[in-house]
Protein backbone atom coordinates (compact mmCIF):
# COMPACT_ATOMS: atom_id res chain seq x y z
CA UNK A 1 -0.03 4.50 15.95
CA UNK A 2 1.34 3.48 12.67
CA UNK A 3 1.87 0.13 11.13
CA UNK A 4 3.93 -0.13 7.98
CA UNK A 5 1.95 -1.53 4.66
CA UNK A 6 3.36 -2.11 1.08
CA UNK A 7 1.07 -0.22 -0.53
CA UNK A 8 2.29 3.06 -2.80
CA UNK A 9 -0.18 5.84 -3.14
CA UNK A 10 -0.43 9.63 -4.31
CA UNK A 11 -1.22 12.33 -1.97
CA UNK A 12 -5.21 12.90 -2.63
CA UNK A 13 -6.11 16.36 -2.81
CA UNK A 14 -8.17 16.33 0.22
CA UNK A 15 -5.33 15.37 2.40
CA UNK A 16 -4.94 16.66 5.64
CA UNK A 17 -2.93 16.99 8.40
CA UNK A 18 -5.07 17.77 11.33
CA UNK A 19 -7.57 14.87 11.92
CA UNK A 20 -10.29 14.31 14.35
CA UNK A 21 -9.10 11.22 16.70
CA UNK A 22 -9.88 7.60 15.50
CA UNK A 23 -9.37 8.76 11.79
CA UNK A 24 -7.82 5.76 9.84
CA UNK A 25 -4.89 7.47 7.49
CA UNK A 26 -2.54 6.65 4.89
CA UNK A 27 0.63 8.47 5.70
CA UNK A 28 2.36 8.61 2.28
CA UNK A 29 5.69 9.63 3.09
CA UNK A 30 6.42 6.52 5.42
CA UNK A 31 3.83 4.09 3.72
CA UNK A 32 2.21 3.52 6.71
CA UNK A 33 -1.48 3.30 7.99
CA UNK A 34 -1.70 5.93 10.66
CA UNK A 35 -4.13 5.61 13.73
CA UNK A 36 -4.27 8.77 15.44
CA UNK A 37 -6.38 8.95 18.82
CA UNK A 38 -4.52 11.79 20.72
CA UNK A 39 -2.06 14.38 20.48
CA UNK A 40 1.28 13.95 18.47
CA UNK A 41 4.67 15.81 19.60
CA UNK A 42 3.62 18.21 16.29
CA UNK A 43 0.41 18.69 17.67
CA UNK A 44 -0.80 22.36 19.11
CA UNK A 45 -2.81 21.75 22.03
CA UNK A 46 -5.22 18.43 21.65
CA UNK A 47 -5.37 18.15 18.25
CA UNK A 48 -4.56 15.10 16.36
CA UNK A 49 -1.49 16.61 14.14
CA UNK A 50 0.37 14.19 11.87
CA UNK A 51 4.00 15.08 10.76
CA UNK A 52 2.39 15.61 7.48
CA UNK A 53 -0.69 15.34 5.52
CA UNK A 54 -2.43 11.96 5.01
CA UNK A 55 -4.54 10.16 2.80
CA UNK A 56 -8.11 9.80 4.78
CA UNK A 57 -9.47 6.39 4.42
CA UNK A 58 -11.94 6.04 7.08
CA UNK A 59 -12.81 6.30 11.00
CA UNK A 60 -12.41 3.63 13.48
CA UNK A 61 -15.54 2.07 15.45
CA UNK A 62 -15.84 2.77 19.11
CA UNK A 63 -13.67 4.98 21.26
CA UNK A 64 -10.21 5.30 19.56
CA UNK A 65 -8.36 5.71 23.35
CA UNK A 66 -8.81 2.34 23.65
CA UNK A 67 -5.24 2.28 21.40
CA UNK A 68 -3.62 4.04 24.26
CA UNK A 69 -3.27 0.51 25.77
CA UNK A 70 -1.59 -1.10 23.09
CA UNK A 71 2.26 -1.55 23.70
CA UNK A 72 5.23 -2.28 21.43
CA UNK A 73 4.99 -6.04 20.13
CA UNK A 74 1.15 -6.24 20.75
CA UNK A 75 -0.64 -8.03 17.89
CA UNK A 76 -3.22 -5.39 16.66
CA UNK A 77 -5.62 -6.42 13.54
CA UNK A 78 -7.53 -3.75 11.41
CA UNK A 79 -10.18 -4.92 9.31
CA UNK A 80 -12.90 -3.31 6.77
CA UNK A 81 -16.23 -3.26 8.46
CA UNK A 82 -19.11 -4.06 5.85
């Protein structure tokens, strides 16, 4: 799942392409927040592989597989937990 965000950032030295499900990533090339929750078209097996390396921002709370139920046009809200 990707959300375009109006932020510009540089790729960090610890950027990753393969991440655990539920990792919150910033995809530099797409200027998007990426929330991988399962295999993608570029995955090898069951891994969460993004198209390119991404900056790691955090992790979703709860089971990330809930994101499978979201459809185009659904409203999604992302908040920072304290």
